[in-house]
Amino acid sequence: MLSVSYSLTSIAVMAIMTYLIRVLPMAIFRKKIERPFIRSFLNYVPYSVLAAMTFPAIFSCTGSTASAWGGCIVAVLLAYWKRGLLTVAVGASAAVFLIQLIGF
């Protein structure tokens, strides 16, 4: 079993690292970034990180590969058609449910 000191140390390290990740860019880059390539790169970083965290979970969270692919395709199509986040999530979940209900 983990000790209390280990848990508190872990929480403190995570808090410090999170703080540094958020403060260092503001301390280093005081002026506005003018280069278009760097600005566009930084604009896409949150989306790419979210995709890198989400896609492996999509294919490992359901019991079957067919339902995972079905939900993923429905989510991508709804997002492509500019539906809201709630609509995309409910649509993908409904697709997974229906595919598993059918028995794939």
PDB file of N, CA and C in Angstrom:
ATOM      1  N   MET A   1       0.840  -1.181   0.000  1.00  0.00           N
ATOM      2  CA  MET A   1       0.000   0.000   0.000  1.00  0.00           C
ATOM      3  C   MET A   1       0.888   1.249   0.000  1.00  0.00           C
ATOM      4  N   LEU A   2       0.414   2.278  -0.674  1.00  0.00           N
ATOM      5  CA  LEU A   2       1.195   3.500  -0.779  1.00  0.00           C
ATOM      6  C   LEU A   2       1.136   4.294   0.521  1.00  0.00           C
ATOM      7  N   SER A   3       2.238   4.909   0.842  1.00  0.00           N
ATOM      8  CA  SER A   3       2.275   5.718   2.052  1.00  0.00           C
ATOM      9  C   SER A   3       1.738   7.118   1.771  1.00  0.00           C
ATOM     10  N   VAL A   4       1.379   7.809   2.812  1.00  0.00           N
ATOM     11  CA  VAL A   4       0.847   9.160   2.683  1.00  0.00           C
ATOM     12  C   VAL A   4       1.916  10.107   2.159  1.00  0.00           C
ATOM     13  N   SER A   5       3.157   9.935   2.621  1.00  0.00           N
ATOM     14  CA  SER A   5       4.230  10.821   2.163  1.00  0.00           C
ATOM     15  C   SER A   5       4.500  10.641   0.677  1.00  0.00           C
ATOM     16  N   TYR A   6       4.423   9.407   0.183  1.00  0.00           N
ATOM     17  CA  TYR A   6       4.612   9.159  -1.245  1.00  0.00           C
ATOM     18  C   TYR A   6       3.497   9.836  -2.047  1.00  0.00           C
ATOM     19  N   SER A   7       2.267   9.715  -1.583  1.00  0.00           N
ATOM     20  CA  SER A   7       1.137  10.335  -2.275  1.00  0.00           C
ATOM     21  C   SER A   7       1.263  11.855  -2.292  1.00  0.00           C
ATOM     22  N   LEU A   8       1.620  12.447  -1.145  1.00  0.00           N
ATOM     23  CA  LEU A   8       1.765  13.898  -1.096  1.00  0.00           C
ATOM     24  C   LEU A   8       2.928  14.380  -1.958  1.00  0.00           C
ATOM     25  N   THR A   9       4.014  13.624  -1.972  1.00  0.00           N
ATOM     26  CA  THR A   9       5.151  13.976  -2.831  1.00  0.00           C
ATOM     27  C   THR A   9       4.754  13.916  -4.298  1.00  0.00           C
ATOM     28  N   SER A  10       4.013  12.886  -4.671  1.00  0.00           N
ATOM     29  CA  SER A  10       3.562  12.752  -6.061  1.00  0.00           C
ATOM     30  C   SER A  10       2.661  13.915  -6.457  1.00  0.00           C
ATOM     31  N   ILE A  11       1.741  14.288  -5.587  1.00  0.00           N
ATOM     32  CA  ILE A  11       0.845  15.407  -5.874  1.00  0.00           C
ATOM     33  C   ILE A  11       1.633  16.704  -6.001  1.00  0.00           C
ATOM     34  N   ALA A  12       2.616  16.909  -5.127  1.00  0.00           N
ATOM     35  CA  ALA A  12       3.428  18.126  -5.189  1.00  0.00           C
ATOM     36  C   ALA A  12       4.233  18.188  -6.486  1.00  0.00           C
ATOM     37  N   VAL A  13       4.826  17.080  -6.892  1.00  0.00           N
ATOM     38  CA  VAL A  13       5.604  17.051  -8.140  1.00  0.00           C
ATOM     39  C   VAL A  13       4.699  17.336  -9.329  1.00  0.00           C
ATOM     40  N   MET A  14       3.519  16.723  -9.353  1.00  0.00           N
ATOM     41  CA  MET A  14       2.587  16.976 -10.463  1.00  0.00           C
ATOM     42  C   MET A  14       2.136  18.436 -10.477  1.00  0.00           C
ATOM     43  N   ALA A  15       1.892  19.020  -9.315  1.00  0.00           N
ATOM     44  CA  ALA A  15       1.470  20.421  -9.257  1.00  0.00           C
ATOM     45  C   ALA A  15       2.572  21.345  -9.758  1.00  0.00           C
ATOM     46  N   ILE A  16       3.809  21.081  -9.356  1.00  0.00           N
ATOM     47  CA  ILE A  16       4.937  21.906  -9.802  1.00  0.00           C
ATOM     48  C   ILE A  16       5.127  21.790 -11.309  1.00  0.00           C
ATOM     49  N   MET A  17       5.062  20.576 -11.832  1.00  0.00           N
ATOM     50  CA  MET A  17       5.249  20.386 -13.275  1.00  0.00           C
ATOM     51  C   MET A  17       4.126  21.073 -14.058  1.00  0.00           C
ATOM     52  N   THR A  18       2.900  20.947 -13.598  1.00  0.00           N
ATOM     53  CA  THR A  18       1.787  21.611 -14.274  1.00  0.00           C
ATOM     54  C   THR A  18       1.963  23.123 -14.243  1.00  0.00           C
ATOM     55  N   TYR A  19       2.388  23.645 -13.123  1.00  0.00           N
ATOM     56  CA  TYR A  19       2.614  25.085 -12.991  1.00  0.00           C
ATOM     57  C   TYR A  19       3.725  25.545 -13.942  1.00  0.00           C
ATOM     58  N   LEU A  20       4.829  24.792 -13.988  1.00  0.00           N
ATOM     59  CA  LEU A  20       5.942  25.177 -14.864  1.00  0.00           C
ATOM     60  C   LEU A  20       5.541  25.141 -16.331  1.00  0.00           C
ATOM     61  N   ILE A  21       4.766  24.131 -16.720  1.00  0.00           N
ATOM     62  CA  ILE A  21       4.349  24.020 -18.116  1.00  0.00           C
ATOM     63  C   ILE A  21       3.491  25.219 -18.517  1.00  0.00           C
ATOM     64  N   ARG A  22       2.738  25.748 -17.589  1.00  0.00           N
ATOM     65  CA  ARG A  22       1.872  26.882 -17.912  1.00  0.00           C
ATOM     66  C   ARG A  22       2.577  28.223 -17.785  1.00  0.00           C
ATOM     67  N   VAL A  23       3.557  28.329 -16.896  1.00  0.00           N
ATOM     68  CA  VAL A  23       4.199  29.624 -16.642  1.00  0.00           C
ATOM     69  C   VAL A  23       5.405  29.860 -17.539  1.00  0.00           C
ATOM     70  N   LEU A  24       6.173  28.831 -17.828  1.00  0.00           N
ATOM     71  CA  LEU A  24       7.396  29.020 -18.614  1.00  0.00           C
ATOM     72  C   LEU A  24       7.159  29.653 -19.981  1.00  0.00           C
ATOM     73  N   PRO A  25       6.171  29.224 -20.749  1.00  0.00           N
ATOM     74  CA  PRO A  25       5.969  29.907 -22.037  1.00  0.00           C
ATOM     75  C   PRO A  25       5.678  31.399 -21.892  1.00  0.00           C
ATOM     76  N   MET A  26       4.928  31.768 -20.862  1.00  0.00           N
ATOM     77  CA  MET A  26       4.656  33.202 -20.664  1.00  0.00           C
ATOM     78  C   MET A  26       5.911  33.954 -20.243  1.00  0.00           C
ATOM     79  N   ALA A  27       6.788  33.294 -19.492  1.00  0.00           N
ATOM     80  CA  ALA A  27       8.013  33.952 -19.048  1.00  0.00           C
ATOM     81  C   ALA A  27       9.038  34.047 -20.176  1.00  0.00           C
ATOM     82  N   ILE A  28       9.068  33.052 -21.050  1.00  0.00           N
ATOM     83  CA  ILE A  28      10.059  33.027 -22.125  1.00  0.00           C
ATOM     84  C   ILE A  28       9.630  33.917 -23.292  1.00  0.00           C
ATOM     85  N   PHE A  29       8.364  33.806 -23.702  1.00  0.00           N
ATOM     86  CA  PHE A  29       7.872  34.539 -24.859  1.00  0.00           C
ATOM     87  C   PHE A  29       7.044  35.732 -24.385  1.00  0.00           C
ATOM     88  N   ARG A  30       7.705  36.827 -24.088  1.00  0.00           N
ATOM     89  CA  ARG A  30       6.998  38.006 -23.597  1.00  0.00           C
ATOM     90  C   ARG A  30       6.365  38.802 -24.740  1.00  0.00           C
ATOM     91  N   LYS A  31       6.997  38.774 -25.908  1.00  0.00           N
ATOM     92  CA  LYS A  31       6.449  39.492 -27.046  1.00  0.00           C
ATOM     93  C   LYS A  31       5.487  38.586 -27.805  1.00  0.00           C
ATOM     94  N   LYS A  32       4.641  39.212 -28.606  1.00  0.00           N
ATOM     95  CA  LYS A  32       3.707  38.462 -29.434  1.00  0.00           C
ATOM     96  C   LYS A  32       4.492  37.714 -30.516  1.00  0.00           C
ATOM     97  N   ILE A  33       4.147  36.459 -30.767  1.00  0.00           N
ATOM     98  CA  ILE A  33       4.814  35.655 -31.791  1.00  0.00           C
ATOM     99  C   ILE A  33       4.287  36.095 -33.148  1.00  0.00           C
ATOM    100  N   GLU A  34       5.192  36.547 -34.014  1.00  0.00           N
ATOM    101  CA  GLU A  34       4.806  37.118 -35.307  1.00  0.00           C
ATOM    102  C   GLU A  34       4.905  36.125 -36.464  1.00  0.00           C
ATOM    103  N   ARG A  35       5.765  35.116 -36.342  1.00  0.00           N
ATOM    104  CA  ARG A  35       5.979  34.207 -37.466  1.00  0.00           C
ATOM    105  C   ARG A  35       4.735  33.353 -37.694  1.00  0.00           C
ATOM    106  N   PRO A  36       4.191  33.342 -38.908  1.00  0.00           N
ATOM    107  CA  PRO A  36       2.946  32.621 -39.184  1.00  0.00           C
ATOM    108  C   PRO A  36       3.072  31.108 -38.981  1.00  0.00           C
ATOM    109  N   PHE A  37       4.222  30.541 -39.331  1.00  0.00           N
ATOM    110  CA  PHE A  37       4.390  29.094 -39.181  1.00  0.00           C
ATOM    111  C   PHE A  37       4.304  28.687 -37.716  1.00  0.00           C
ATOM    112  N   ILE A  38       4.986  29.408 -36.857  1.00  0.00           N
ATOM    113  CA  ILE A  38       4.976  29.070 -35.428  1.00  0.00           C
ATOM    114  C   ILE A  38       3.601  29.308 -34.835  1.00  0.00           C
ATOM    115  N   ARG A  39       2.936  30.371 -35.243  1.00  0.00           N
ATOM    116  CA  ARG A  39       1.585  30.636 -34.733  1.00  0.00           C
ATOM    117  C   ARG A  39       0.616  29.539 -35.140  1.00  0.00           C
ATOM    118  N   SER A  40       0.672  29.098 -36.403  1.00  0.00           N
ATOM    119  CA  SER A  40      -0.238  28.034 -36.834  1.00  0.00           C
ATOM    120  C   SER A  40       0.115  26.715 -36.164  1.00  0.00           C
ATOM    121  N   PHE A  41       1.403  26.456 -35.969  1.00  0.00           N
ATOM    122  CA  PHE A  41       1.823  25.247 -35.255  1.00  0.00           C
ATOM    123  C   PHE A  41       1.267  25.239 -33.838  1.00  0.00           C
ATOM    124  N   LEU A  42       1.395  26.346 -33.142  1.00  0.00           N
ATOM    125  CA  LEU A  42       0.896  26.428 -31.766  1.00  0.00           C
ATOM    126  C   LEU A  42      -0.624  26.388 -31.699  1.00  0.00           C
ATOM    127  N   ASN A  43      -1.298  26.832 -32.749  1.00  0.00           N
ATOM    128  CA  ASN A  43      -2.755  26.746 -32.765  1.00  0.00           C
ATOM    129  C   ASN A  43      -3.238  25.307 -32.863  1.00  0.00           C
ATOM    130  N   TYR A  44      -2.479  24.439 -33.541  1.00  0.00           N
ATOM    131  CA  TYR A  44      -2.909  23.054 -33.740  1.00  0.00           C
ATOM    132  C   TYR A  44      -2.422  22.095 -32.665  1.00  0.00           C
ATOM    133  N   VAL A  45      -1.548  22.527 -31.782  1.00  0.00           N
ATOM    134  CA  VAL A  45      -1.027  21.637 -30.739  1.00  0.00           C
ATOM    135  C   VAL A  45      -2.132  21.082 -29.847  1.00  0.00           C
ATOM    136  N   PRO A  46      -3.064  21.879 -29.332  1.00  0.00           N
ATOM    137  CA  PRO A  46      -4.094  21.289 -28.466  1.00  0.00           C
ATOM    138  C   PRO A  46      -4.939  20.231 -29.167  1.00  0.00           C
ATOM    139  N   TYR A  47      -5.257  20.446 -30.431  1.00  0.00           N
ATOM    140  CA  TYR A  47      -6.067  19.477 -31.167  1.00  0.00           C
ATOM    141  C   TYR A  47      -5.305  18.171 -31.392  1.00  0.00           C
ATOM    142  N   SER A  48      -4.029  18.276 -31.710  1.00  0.00           N
ATOM    143  CA  SER A  48      -3.253  17.061 -31.949  1.00  0.00           C
ATOM    144  C   SER A  48      -3.027  16.279 -30.658  1.00  0.00           C
ATOM    145  N   VAL A  49      -2.821  16.973 -29.555  1.00  0.00           N
ATOM    146  CA  VAL A  49      -2.661  16.282 -28.273  1.00  0.00           C
ATOM    147  C   VAL A  49      -3.961  15.598 -27.877  1.00  0.00           C
ATOM    148  N   LEU A  50      -5.080  16.276 -28.064  1.00  0.00           N
ATOM    149  CA  LEU A  50      -6.372  15.674 -27.754  1.00  0.00           C
ATOM    150  C   LEU A  50      -6.623  14.440 -28.614  1.00  0.00           C
ATOM    151  N   ALA A  51      -6.296  14.525 -29.897  1.00  0.00           N
ATOM    152  CA  ALA A  51      -6.470  13.366 -30.776  1.00  0.00           C
ATOM    153  C   ALA A  51      -5.554  12.216 -30.372  1.00  0.00           C
ATOM    154  N   ALA A  52      -4.330  12.527 -29.988  1.00  0.00           N
ATOM    155  CA  ALA A  52      -3.391  11.476 -29.577  1.00  0.00           C
ATOM    156  C   ALA A  52      -3.849  10.790 -28.298  1.00  0.00           C
ATOM    157  N   MET A  53      -4.551  11.493 -27.439  1.00  0.00           N
ATOM    158  CA  MET A  53      -5.053  10.869 -26.214  1.00  0.00           C
ATOM    159  C   MET A  53      -6.380  10.154 -26.448  1.00  0.00           C
ATOM    160  N   THR A  54      -7.178  10.617 -27.395  1.00  0.00           N
ATOM    161  CA  THR A  54      -8.524  10.086 -27.589  1.00  0.00           C
ATOM    162  C   THR A  54      -8.556   8.845 -28.471  1.00  0.00           C
ATOM    163  N   PHE A  55      -7.842   8.840 -29.572  1.00  0.00           N
ATOM    164  CA  PHE A  55      -7.976   7.745 -30.525  1.00  0.00           C
ATOM    165  C   PHE A  55      -7.595   6.376 -29.971  1.00  0.00           C
ATOM    166  N   PRO A  56      -6.537   6.220 -29.202  1.00  0.00           N
ATOM    167  CA  PRO A  56      -6.294   4.881 -28.628  1.00  0.00           C
ATOM    168  C   PRO A  56      -7.423   4.424 -27.701  1.00  0.00           C
ATOM    169  N   ALA A  57      -8.015   5.356 -26.969  1.00  0.00           N
ATOM    170  CA  ALA A  57      -9.110   4.996 -26.072  1.00  0.00           C
ATOM    171  C   ALA A  57     -10.363   4.595 -26.843  1.00  0.00           C
ATOM    172  N   ILE A  58     -10.584   5.190 -27.997  1.00  0.00           N
ATOM    173  CA  ILE A  58     -11.756   4.852 -28.804  1.00  0.00           C
ATOM    174  C   ILE A  58     -11.745   3.375 -29.163  1.00  0.00           C
ATOM    175  N   PHE A  59     -10.595   2.861 -29.539  1.00  0.00           N
ATOM    176  CA  PHE A  59     -10.529   1.497 -30.038  1.00  0.00           C
ATOM    177  C   PHE A  59     -10.305   0.461 -28.940  1.00  0.00           C
ATOM    178  N   SER A  60     -10.070   0.911 -27.713  1.00  0.00           N
ATOM    179  CA  SER A  60      -9.886  -0.062 -26.641  1.00  0.00           C
ATOM    180  C   SER A  60     -11.021  -0.059 -25.627  1.00  0.00           C
ATOM    181  N   CYS A  61     -11.970   0.858 -25.745  1.00  0.00           N
ATOM    182  CA  CYS A  61     -13.009   0.971 -24.717  1.00  0.00           C
ATOM    183  C   CYS A  61     -14.216   0.086 -24.980  1.00  0.00           C
ATOM    184  N   THR A  62     -14.442  -0.315 -26.218  1.00  0.00           N
ATOM    185  CA  THR A  62     -15.579  -1.181 -26.495  1.00  0.00           C
ATOM    186  C   THR A  62     -15.114  -2.628 -26.585  1.00  0.00           C
ATOM    187  N   GLY A  63     -16.063  -3.521 -26.546  1.00  0.00           N
ATOM    188  CA  GLY A  63     -15.720  -4.935 -26.601  1.00  0.00           C
ATOM    189  C   GLY A  63     -15.413  -5.434 -28.002  1.00  0.00           C
ATOM    190  N   SER A  64     -15.830  -4.695 -29.011  1.00  0.00           N
ATOM    191  CA  SER A  64     -15.607  -5.166 -30.376  1.00  0.00           C
ATOM    192  C   SER A  64     -14.988  -4.063 -31.229  1.00  0.00           C
ATOM    193  N   THR A  65     -14.234  -4.479 -32.188  1.00  0.00           N
ATOM    194  CA  THR A  65     -13.596  -3.530 -33.097  1.00  0.00           C
ATOM    195  C   THR A  65     -14.617  -2.879 -34.020  1.00  0.00           C
ATOM    196  N   ALA A  66     -15.654  -3.657 -34.404  1.00  0.00           N
ATOM    197  CA  ALA A  66     -16.671  -3.119 -35.316  1.00  0.00           C
ATOM    198  C   ALA A  66     -17.417  -1.947 -34.685  1.00  0.00           C
ATOM    199  N   SER A  67     -17.799  -2.078 -33.425  1.00  0.00           N
ATOM    200  CA  SER A  67     -18.522  -0.980 -32.783  1.00  0.00           C
ATOM    201  C   SER A  67     -17.611   0.234 -32.564  1.00  0.00           C
ATOM    202  N   ALA A  68     -16.332  -0.009 -32.294  1.00  0.00           N
ATOM    203  CA  ALA A  68     -15.387   1.100 -32.136  1.00  0.00           C
ATOM    204  C   ALA A  68     -15.237   1.857 -33.449  1.00  0.00           C
ATOM    205  N   TRP A  69     -15.085   1.129 -34.542  1.00  0.00           N
ATOM    206  CA  TRP A  69     -14.973   1.785 -35.843  1.00  0.00           C
ATOM    207  C   TRP A  69     -16.258   2.518 -36.207  1.00  0.00           C
ATOM    208  N   GLY A  70     -17.406   1.896 -35.927  1.00  0.00           N
ATOM    209  CA  GLY A  70     -18.683   2.542 -36.219  1.00  0.00           C
ATOM    210  C   GLY A  70     -18.849   3.847 -35.471  1.00  0.00           C
ATOM    211  N   GLY A  71     -18.548   3.839 -34.182  1.00  0.00           N
ATOM    212  CA  GLY A  71     -18.639   5.064 -33.392  1.00  0.00           C
ATOM    213  C   GLY A  71     -17.663   6.125 -33.859  1.00  0.00           C
ATOM    214  N   CYS A  72     -16.458   5.697 -34.223  1.00  0.00           N
ATOM    215  CA  CYS A  72     -15.446   6.639 -34.702  1.00  0.00           C
ATOM    216  C   CYS A  72     -15.879   7.282 -36.018  1.00  0.00           C
ATOM    217  N   ILE A  73     -16.407   6.484 -36.925  1.00  0.00           N
ATOM    218  CA  ILE A  73     -16.851   7.013 -38.224  1.00  0.00           C
ATOM    219  C   ILE A  73     -18.011   7.980 -38.040  1.00  0.00           C
ATOM    220  N   VAL A  74     -18.964   7.625 -37.178  1.00  0.00           N
ATOM    221  CA  VAL A  74     -20.093   8.523 -36.927  1.00  0.00           C
ATOM    222  C   VAL A  74     -19.603   9.830 -36.305  1.00  0.00           C
ATOM    223  N   ALA A  75     -18.686   9.749 -35.357  1.00  0.00           N
ATOM    224  CA  ALA A  75     -18.161  10.951 -34.710  1.00  0.00           C
ATOM    225  C   ALA A  75     -17.436  11.843 -35.713  1.00  0.00           C
ATOM    226  N   VAL A  76     -16.622  11.246 -36.574  1.00  0.00           N
ATOM    227  CA  VAL A  76     -15.885  12.037 -37.569  1.00  0.00           C
ATOM    228  C   VAL A  76     -16.846  12.696 -38.551  1.00  0.00           C
ATOM    229  N   LEU A  77     -17.865  11.947 -38.987  1.00  0.00           N
ATOM    230  CA  LEU A  77     -18.831  12.528 -39.925  1.00  0.00           C
ATOM    231  C   LEU A  77     -19.617  13.674 -39.285  1.00  0.00           C
ATOM    232  N   LEU A  78     -20.081  13.484 -38.058  1.00  0.00           N
ATOM    233  CA  LEU A  78     -20.826  14.547 -37.391  1.00  0.00           C
ATOM    234  C   LEU A  78     -19.944  15.781 -37.158  1.00  0.00           C
ATOM    235  N   ALA A  79     -18.696  15.553 -36.798  1.00  0.00           N
ATOM    236  CA  ALA A  79     -17.780  16.687 -36.611  1.00  0.00           C
ATOM    237  C   ALA A  79     -17.507  17.376 -37.945  1.00  0.00           C
ATOM    238  N   TYR A  80     -17.379  16.602 -39.013  1.00  0.00           N
ATOM    239  CA  TYR A  80     -17.154  17.177 -40.338  1.00  0.00           C
ATOM    240  C   TYR A  80     -18.338  18.050 -40.763  1.00  0.00           C
ATOM    241  N   TRP A  81     -19.544  17.624 -40.387  1.00  0.00           N
ATOM    242  CA  TRP A  81     -20.747  18.389 -40.719  1.00  0.00           C
ATOM    243  C   TRP A  81     -20.996  19.517 -39.723  1.00  0.00           C
ATOM    244  N   LYS A  82     -19.985  19.815 -38.890  1.00  0.00           N
ATOM    245  CA  LYS A  82     -19.992  20.949 -37.957  1.00  0.00           C
ATOM    246  C   LYS A  82     -21.114  20.870 -36.918  1.00  0.00           C
ATOM    247  N   ARG A  83     -21.349  19.679 -36.405  1.00  0.00           N
ATOM    248  CA  ARG A  83     -22.299  19.525 -35.300  1.00  0.00           C
ATOM    249  C   ARG A  83     -21.592  19.848 -33.998  1.00  0.00           C
ATOM    250  N   GLY A  84     -22.335  20.117 -32.962  1.00  0.00           N
ATOM    251  CA  GLY A  84     -21.766  20.456 -31.665  1.00  0.00           C
ATOM    252  C   GLY A  84     -21.142  19.244 -30.984  1.00  0.00           C
ATOM    253  N   LEU A  85     -20.372  19.521 -29.945  1.00  0.00           N
ATOM    254  CA  LEU A  85     -19.671  18.463 -29.222  1.00  0.00           C
ATOM    255  C   LEU A  85     -20.629  17.466 -28.606  1.00  0.00           C
ATOM    256  N   LEU A  86     -21.728  17.949 -28.022  1.00  0.00           N
ATOM    257  CA  LEU A  86     -22.704  17.055 -27.411  1.00  0.00           C
ATOM    258  C   LEU A  86     -23.360  16.165 -28.457  1.00  0.00           C
ATOM    259  N   THR A  87     -23.679  16.715 -29.613  1.00  0.00           N
ATOM    260  CA  THR A  87     -24.281  15.935 -30.692  1.00  0.00           C
ATOM    261  C   THR A  87     -23.317  14.856 -31.179  1.00  0.00           C
ATOM    262  N   VAL A  88     -22.048  15.207 -31.314  1.00  0.00           N
ATOM    263  CA  VAL A  88     -21.043  14.238 -31.766  1.00  0.00           C
ATOM    264  C   VAL A  88     -20.899  13.117 -30.741  1.00  0.00           C
ATOM    265  N   ALA A  89     -20.821  13.465 -29.464  1.00  0.00           N
ATOM    266  CA  ALA A  89     -20.646  12.456 -28.424  1.00  0.00           C
ATOM    267  C   ALA A  89     -21.855  11.537 -28.327  1.00  0.00           C
ATOM    268  N   VAL A  90     -23.050  12.103 -28.343  1.00  0.00           N
ATOM    269  CA  VAL A  90     -24.271  11.286 -28.258  1.00  0.00           C
ATOM    270  C   VAL A  90     -24.433  10.433 -29.513  1.00  0.00           C
ATOM    271  N   GLY A  91     -24.147  10.994 -30.663  1.00  0.00           N
ATOM    272  CA  GLY A  91     -24.252  10.231 -31.906  1.00  0.00           C
ATOM    273  C   GLY A  91     -23.283   9.063 -31.955  1.00  0.00           C
ATOM    274  N   ALA A  92     -22.048   9.291 -31.543  1.00  0.00           N
ATOM    275  CA  ALA A  92     -21.059   8.208 -31.530  1.00  0.00           C
ATOM    276  C   ALA A  92     -21.436   7.138 -30.514  1.00  0.00           C
ATOM    277  N   SER A  93     -21.906   7.567 -29.347  1.00  0.00           N
ATOM    278  CA  SER A  93     -22.320   6.595 -28.327  1.00  0.00           C
ATOM    279  C   SER A  93     -23.520   5.791 -28.801  1.00  0.00           C
ATOM    280  N   ALA A  94     -24.471   6.441 -29.452  1.00  0.00           N
ATOM    281  CA  ALA A  94     -25.636   5.737 -29.983  1.00  0.00           C
ATOM    282  C   ALA A  94     -25.230   4.740 -31.065  1.00  0.00           C
ATOM    283  N   ALA A  95     -24.284   5.130 -31.899  1.00  0.00           N
ATOM    284  CA  ALA A  95     -23.816   4.212 -32.943  1.00  0.00           C
ATOM    285  C   ALA A  95     -23.161   2.980 -32.333  1.00  0.00           C
ATOM    286  N   VAL A  96     -22.322   3.180 -31.323  1.00  0.00           N
ATOM    287  CA  VAL A  96     -21.685   2.053 -30.646  1.00  0.00           C
ATOM    288  C   VAL A  96     -22.741   1.165 -30.007  1.00  0.00           C
ATOM    289  N   PHE A  97     -23.706   1.768 -29.346  1.00  0.00           N
ATOM    290  CA  PHE A  97     -24.764   1.003 -28.691  1.00  0.00           C
ATOM    291  C   PHE A  97     -25.547   0.174 -29.702  1.00  0.00           C
ATOM    292  N   LEU A  98     -25.938   0.799 -30.824  1.00  0.00           N
ATOM    293  CA  LEU A  98     -26.712   0.078 -31.822  1.00  0.00           C
ATOM    294  C   LEU A  98     -25.907  -1.046 -32.472  1.00  0.00           C
ATOM    295  N   ILE A  99     -24.657  -0.803 -32.748  1.00  0.00           N
ATOM    296  CA  ILE A  99     -23.827  -1.844 -33.367  1.00  0.00           C
ATOM    297  C   ILE A  99     -23.649  -3.013 -32.412  1.00  0.00           C
ATOM    298  N   GLN A 100     -23.448  -2.719 -31.116  1.00  0.00           N
ATOM    299  CA  GLN A 100     -23.320  -3.812 -30.160  1.00  0.00           C
ATOM    300  C   GLN A 100     -24.651  -4.507 -29.916  1.00  0.00           C
ATOM    301  N   LEU A 101     -25.753  -3.775 -30.028  1.00  0.00           N
ATOM    302  CA  LEU A 101     -27.069  -4.360 -29.869  1.00  0.00           C
ATOM    303  C   LEU A 101     -27.365  -5.340 -31.008  1.00  0.00           C
ATOM    304  N   ILE A 102     -26.937  -4.974 -32.208  1.00  0.00           N
ATOM    305  CA  ILE A 102     -27.108  -5.860 -33.365  1.00  0.00           C
ATOM    306  C   ILE A 102     -26.278  -7.120 -33.192  1.00  0.00           C
ATOM    307  N   GLY A 103     -25.117  -6.979 -32.575  1.00  0.00           N
ATOM    308  CA  GLY A 103     -24.314  -8.159 -32.282  1.00  0.00           C
ATOM    309  C   GLY A 103     -23.033  -8.284 -33.060  1.00  0.00           C
ATOM    310  N   PHE A 104     -22.498  -7.195 -33.567  1.00  0.00           N
ATOM    311  CA  PHE A 104     -21.220  -7.268 -34.298  1.00  0.00           C
ATOM    312  C   PHE A 104     -20.079  -7.420 -33.361  1.00  0.00           C
TER     313      PHE A 104
END
